[in-house]
Amino acid sequence: METPHDASVLVTDGRKALLLRNEGDSRYANLKLVEQWQQRLDADRDLKSDGPGRSFSSNAGGTRRSAYSESDFHDAAEAGFLAQLASSLSRRHRKGEIKELIIVSPPRALGELRKHLAGDLKQAVIAEIAKDLVKHPISSIEELIALHVEPALPRPA
């Protein structure tokens, strides 16, 4: 599949996002940067105040102990970043700035982003690529999208 002229391309990994627009034709994409977002995350050890909690068995005379699962603050921060990103994209879509959207993201971030896409913006998604390309130069992103783009689910008529 080719990248349509004036289509928007979102490239994100949950910590950084690039919104690109194809200013070329559908056969030869010429992606230009529209906006860039990035969040700075401290190391996970710096975000935590203590180790995971412990639980004791309530059985009479029981001495069994177990640990609660540890919170991953990076996962929570990435989910929040992707929710804000989806909100920003929805505003752009309502203003008519995004007509067709291709999303490029690692599978985990792609799944989280899907949760936050509004219905009208979901309809604008023409393809999804489950790859992490956010650290590649834009020229490489153009080439890799041309090789990997697969159509999203068919849109209802």
C-alpha atoms as a PDB file:
ATOM      1  CA  MET A   1       0.000   0.000   0.000  1.00  0.00           C
ATOM      2  CA  GLU A   2       1.190   3.491  -0.759  1.00  0.00           C
ATOM      3  CA  THR A   3       1.074   6.473   1.580  1.00  0.00           C
ATOM      4  CA  PRO A   4      -1.612   8.850   0.261  1.00  0.00           C
ATOM      5  CA  HIS A   5      -0.744  12.499  -0.362  1.00  0.00           C
ATOM      6  CA  ASP A   6      -1.491  14.647   2.702  1.00  0.00           C
ATOM      7  CA  ALA A   7      -1.877  11.570   4.942  1.00  0.00           C
ATOM      8  CA  SER A   8      -0.579  11.905   8.492  1.00  0.00           C
ATOM      9  CA  VAL A   9       1.885   9.404   9.944  1.00  0.00           C
ATOM     10  CA  LEU A  10       2.243   8.983  13.703  1.00  0.00           C
ATOM     11  CA  VAL A  11       5.480   7.316  14.806  1.00  0.00           C
ATOM     12  CA  THR A  12       5.648   6.634  18.554  1.00  0.00           C
ATOM     13  CA  ASP A  13       7.132   4.308  21.131  1.00  0.00           C
ATOM     14  CA  GLY A  14       5.227   5.535  24.203  1.00  0.00           C
ATOM     15  CA  ARG A  15       7.924   8.001  25.252  1.00  0.00           C
ATOM     16  CA  LYS A  16       8.471   9.977  22.081  1.00  0.00           C
ATOM     17  CA  ALA A  17       6.136  10.719  19.188  1.00  0.00           C
ATOM     18  CA  LEU A  18       6.521  12.247  15.753  1.00  0.00           C
ATOM     19  CA  LEU A  19       3.586  13.464  13.696  1.00  0.00           C
ATOM     20  CA  LEU A  20       4.542  13.551  10.027  1.00  0.00           C
ATOM     21  CA  ARG A  21       2.614  14.544   6.910  1.00  0.00           C
ATOM     22  CA  ASN A  22       3.178  13.195   3.406  1.00  0.00           C
ATOM     23  CA  GLU A  23       3.780  16.193   1.172  1.00  0.00           C
ATOM     24  CA  GLY A  24       4.788  13.971  -1.735  1.00  0.00           C
ATOM     25  CA  ASP A  25       2.551  11.875  -3.914  1.00  0.00           C
ATOM     26  CA  SER A  26       1.197   8.469  -2.969  1.00  0.00           C
ATOM     27  CA  ARG A  27       3.964   6.585  -4.750  1.00  0.00           C
ATOM     28  CA  TYR A  28       6.939   8.622  -3.500  1.00  0.00           C
ATOM     29  CA  ALA A  29       6.333   9.741   0.057  1.00  0.00           C
ATOM     30  CA  ASN A  30       7.959  12.939   1.273  1.00  0.00           C
ATOM     31  CA  LEU A  31       7.317  13.015   5.005  1.00  0.00           C
ATOM     32  CA  LYS A  32       7.665  16.338   6.801  1.00  0.00           C
ATOM     33  CA  LEU A  33       7.666  16.828  10.568  1.00  0.00           C
ATOM     34  CA  VAL A  34       4.504  18.530  11.831  1.00  0.00           C
ATOM     35  CA  GLU A  35       4.975  18.117  15.583  1.00  0.00           C
ATOM     36  CA  GLN A  36       7.141  16.226  18.035  1.00  0.00           C
ATOM     37  CA  TRP A  37       6.374  15.186  21.627  1.00  0.00           C
ATOM     38  CA  GLN A  38       8.751  13.680  24.149  1.00  0.00           C
ATOM     39  CA  GLN A  39       8.538  12.874  27.816  1.00  0.00           C
ATOM     40  CA  ARG A  40      11.518  12.608  30.103  1.00  0.00           C
ATOM     41  CA  LEU A  41      11.395   9.647  32.461  1.00  0.00           C
ATOM     42  CA  ASP A  42      13.601   9.177  35.480  1.00  0.00           C
ATOM     43  CA  ALA A  43      15.048   5.750  36.146  1.00  0.00           C
ATOM     44  CA  ASP A  44      12.508   3.374  37.676  1.00  0.00           C
ATOM     45  CA  ARG A  45      14.610   3.073  40.855  1.00  0.00           C
ATOM     46  CA  ASP A  46      14.388   6.868  41.317  1.00  0.00           C
ATOM     47  CA  LEU A  47      10.606   6.822  41.033  1.00  0.00           C
ATOM     48  CA  LYS A  48      10.112   4.214  43.755  1.00  0.00           C
ATOM     49  CA  SER A  49      10.231   4.964  47.437  1.00  0.00           C
ATOM     50  CA  ASP A  50      10.522   1.395  48.720  1.00  0.00           C
ATOM     51  CA  GLY A  51      10.415  -2.257  47.736  1.00  0.00           C
ATOM     52  CA  PRO A  52       7.195  -4.168  47.065  1.00  0.00           C
ATOM     53  CA  GLY A  53       4.877  -4.799  50.002  1.00  0.00           C
ATOM     54  CA  ARG A  54       4.540  -8.109  51.820  1.00  0.00           C
ATOM     55  CA  SER A  55       1.489 -10.104  52.770  1.00  0.00           C
ATOM     56  CA  PHE A  56       1.222 -12.661  55.560  1.00  0.00           C
ATOM     57  CA  SER A  57      -1.016 -15.711  55.544  1.00  0.00           C
ATOM     58  CA  SER A  58      -4.041 -15.371  57.787  1.00  0.00           C
ATOM     59  CA  ASN A  59      -4.199 -19.108  58.542  1.00  0.00           C
ATOM     60  CA  ALA A  60      -3.926 -19.961  62.186  1.00  0.00           C
ATOM     61  CA  GLY A  61      -0.285 -20.545  62.903  1.00  0.00           C
ATOM     62  CA  GLY A  62       0.654 -19.897  59.266  1.00  0.00           C
ATOM     63  CA  THR A  63       4.010 -18.378  58.525  1.00  0.00           C
ATOM     64  CA  ARG A  64       3.652 -18.063  54.777  1.00  0.00           C
ATOM     65  CA  ARG A  65       4.628 -14.738  53.259  1.00  0.00           C
ATOM     66  CA  SER A  66       4.354 -13.441  49.745  1.00  0.00           C
ATOM     67  CA  ALA A  67       5.245 -10.225  47.960  1.00  0.00           C
ATOM     68  CA  TYR A  68       2.841  -8.012  46.084  1.00  0.00           C
ATOM     69  CA  SER A  69       3.704  -7.390  42.475  1.00  0.00           C
ATOM     70  CA  GLU A  70       5.792  -4.299  41.983  1.00  0.00           C
ATOM     71  CA  SER A  71       4.329  -1.276  40.208  1.00  0.00           C
ATOM     72  CA  ASP A  72       6.019  -0.303  36.974  1.00  0.00           C
ATOM     73  CA  PHE A  73       5.988   3.479  36.920  1.00  0.00           C
ATOM     74  CA  HIS A  74       7.335   3.605  33.368  1.00  0.00           C
ATOM     75  CA  ASP A  75       4.346   1.645  32.083  1.00  0.00           C
ATOM     76  CA  ALA A  76       1.995   4.044  33.849  1.00  0.00           C
ATOM     77  CA  ALA A  77       3.851   7.065  32.444  1.00  0.00           C
ATOM     78  CA  GLU A  78       3.765   5.643  28.913  1.00  0.00           C
ATOM     79  CA  ALA A  79       0.039   4.927  29.178  1.00  0.00           C
ATOM     80  CA  GLY A  80      -0.556   8.524  30.282  1.00  0.00           C
ATOM     81  CA  PHE A  81       1.609   9.864  27.456  1.00  0.00           C
ATOM     82  CA  LEU A  82      -0.290   7.801  24.873  1.00  0.00           C
ATOM     83  CA  ALA A  83      -3.653   8.945  26.283  1.00  0.00           C
ATOM     84  CA  GLN A  84      -2.581  12.605  25.960  1.00  0.00           C
ATOM     85  CA  LEU A  85      -1.263  11.914  22.466  1.00  0.00           C
ATOM     86  CA  ALA A  86      -4.582  10.365  21.392  1.00  0.00           C
ATOM     87  CA  SER A  87      -6.413  13.402  22.768  1.00  0.00           C
ATOM     88  CA  SER A  88      -4.169  15.763  20.790  1.00  0.00           C
ATOM     89  CA  LEU A  89      -4.683  13.727  17.614  1.00  0.00           C
ATOM     90  CA  SER A  90      -8.455  13.771  18.122  1.00  0.00           C
ATOM     91  CA  ARG A  91      -8.420  17.580  18.367  1.00  0.00           C
ATOM     92  CA  ARG A  92      -6.384  17.799  15.149  1.00  0.00           C
ATOM     93  CA  HIS A  93      -8.789  15.397  13.440  1.00  0.00           C
ATOM     94  CA  ARG A  94     -11.830  17.456  14.470  1.00  0.00           C
ATOM     95  CA  LYS A  95     -10.123  20.584  13.084  1.00  0.00           C
ATOM     96  CA  GLY A  96      -9.586  18.778   9.774  1.00  0.00           C
ATOM     97  CA  GLU A  97      -5.793  18.686  10.091  1.00  0.00           C
ATOM     98  CA  ILE A  98      -5.757  14.853  10.046  1.00  0.00           C
ATOM     99  CA  LYS A  99      -7.831  13.164   7.365  1.00  0.00           C
ATOM    100  CA  GLU A 100      -6.025   9.822   7.032  1.00  0.00           C
ATOM    101  CA  LEU A 101      -3.643   8.407   9.633  1.00  0.00           C
ATOM    102  CA  ILE A 102      -0.987   5.715   9.566  1.00  0.00           C
ATOM    103  CA  ILE A 103       0.229   4.612  13.011  1.00  0.00           C
ATOM    104  CA  VAL A 104       3.732   3.169  13.476  1.00  0.00           C
ATOM    105  CA  SER A 105       4.390   1.867  16.965  1.00  0.00           C
ATOM    106  CA  PRO A 106       5.697  -1.190  18.821  1.00  0.00           C
ATOM    107  CA  PRO A 107       2.878  -3.693  19.505  1.00  0.00           C
ATOM    108  CA  ARG A 108       2.532  -2.908  23.207  1.00  0.00           C
ATOM    109  CA  ALA A 109       2.299   0.872  22.694  1.00  0.00           C
ATOM    110  CA  LEU A 110       0.005   0.345  19.693  1.00  0.00           C
ATOM    111  CA  GLY A 111      -2.430  -1.641  21.849  1.00  0.00           C
ATOM    112  CA  GLU A 112      -2.418   1.053  24.535  1.00  0.00           C
ATOM    113  CA  LEU A 113      -2.918   3.813  21.955  1.00  0.00           C
ATOM    114  CA  ARG A 114      -5.884   1.975  20.410  1.00  0.00           C
ATOM    115  CA  LYS A 115      -7.669   2.092  23.779  1.00  0.00           C
ATOM    116  CA  HIS A 116      -7.629   5.891  23.704  1.00  0.00           C
ATOM    117  CA  LEU A 117      -8.506   6.622  20.077  1.00  0.00           C
ATOM    118  CA  ALA A 118     -11.916   8.242  19.691  1.00  0.00           C
ATOM    119  CA  GLY A 119     -14.387   6.615  17.280  1.00  0.00           C
ATOM    120  CA  ASP A 120     -14.058   9.275  14.591  1.00  0.00           C
ATOM    121  CA  LEU A 121     -10.260   9.133  14.721  1.00  0.00           C
ATOM    122  CA  LYS A 122     -10.336   5.312  14.571  1.00  0.00           C
ATOM    123  CA  GLN A 123     -12.154   5.650  11.260  1.00  0.00           C
ATOM    124  CA  ALA A 124      -9.319   7.834   9.928  1.00  0.00           C
ATOM    125  CA  VAL A 125      -6.687   5.134  10.611  1.00  0.00           C
ATOM    126  CA  ILE A 126      -5.841   3.585   7.244  1.00  0.00           C
ATOM    127  CA  ALA A 127      -2.894   1.422   8.354  1.00  0.00           C
ATOM    128  CA  GLU A 128      -0.974   0.261  11.402  1.00  0.00           C
ATOM    129  CA  ILE A 129       2.624  -0.917  11.504  1.00  0.00           C
ATOM    130  CA  ALA A 130       3.772  -2.755  14.623  1.00  0.00           C
ATOM    131  CA  LYS A 131       7.408  -1.595  14.565  1.00  0.00           C
ATOM    132  CA  ASP A 132       9.544   0.765  16.617  1.00  0.00           C
ATOM    133  CA  LEU A 133      10.832   3.356  14.143  1.00  0.00           C
ATOM    134  CA  VAL A 134      10.844   6.472  16.342  1.00  0.00           C
ATOM    135  CA  LYS A 135      14.668   6.641  16.494  1.00  0.00           C
ATOM    136  CA  HIS A 136      15.119   6.303  12.723  1.00  0.00           C
ATOM    137  CA  PRO A 137      15.687   9.328  10.482  1.00  0.00           C
ATOM    138  CA  ILE A 138      12.641  10.450   8.504  1.00  0.00           C
ATOM    139  CA  SER A 139      14.147   9.246   5.208  1.00  0.00           C
ATOM    140  CA  SER A 140      14.436   5.728   6.649  1.00  0.00           C
ATOM    141  CA  ILE A 141      10.893   5.920   8.016  1.00  0.00           C
ATOM    142  CA  GLU A 142       9.621   6.686   4.490  1.00  0.00           C
ATOM    143  CA  GLU A 143      11.357   3.601   3.106  1.00  0.00           C
ATOM    144  CA  LEU A 144      10.346   1.301   5.958  1.00  0.00           C
ATOM    145  CA  ILE A 145       6.708   2.390   5.808  1.00  0.00           C
ATOM    146  CA  ALA A 146       6.635   1.632   2.082  1.00  0.00           C
ATOM    147  CA  LEU A 147       7.870  -1.904   2.833  1.00  0.00           C
ATOM    148  CA  HIS A 148       5.709  -2.682   5.853  1.00  0.00           C
ATOM    149  CA  VAL A 149       2.459  -0.816   5.579  1.00  0.00           C
ATOM    150  CA  GLU A 150      -0.576  -3.069   5.699  1.00  0.00           C
ATOM    151  CA  PRO A 151      -4.129  -1.798   5.485  1.00  0.00           C
ATOM    152  CA  ALA A 152      -6.091  -1.477   8.702  1.00  0.00           C
ATOM    153  CA  LEU A 153      -9.465  -3.123   9.016  1.00  0.00           C
ATOM    154  CA  PRO A 154     -11.845  -2.069   6.217  1.00  0.00           C
ATOM    155  CA  ARG A 155     -13.779   1.056   7.007  1.00  0.00           C
ATOM    156  CA  PRO A 156     -17.575   0.808   6.931  1.00  0.00           C
ATOM    157  CA  ALA A 157     -19.212   2.556   3.991  1.00  0.00           C
END
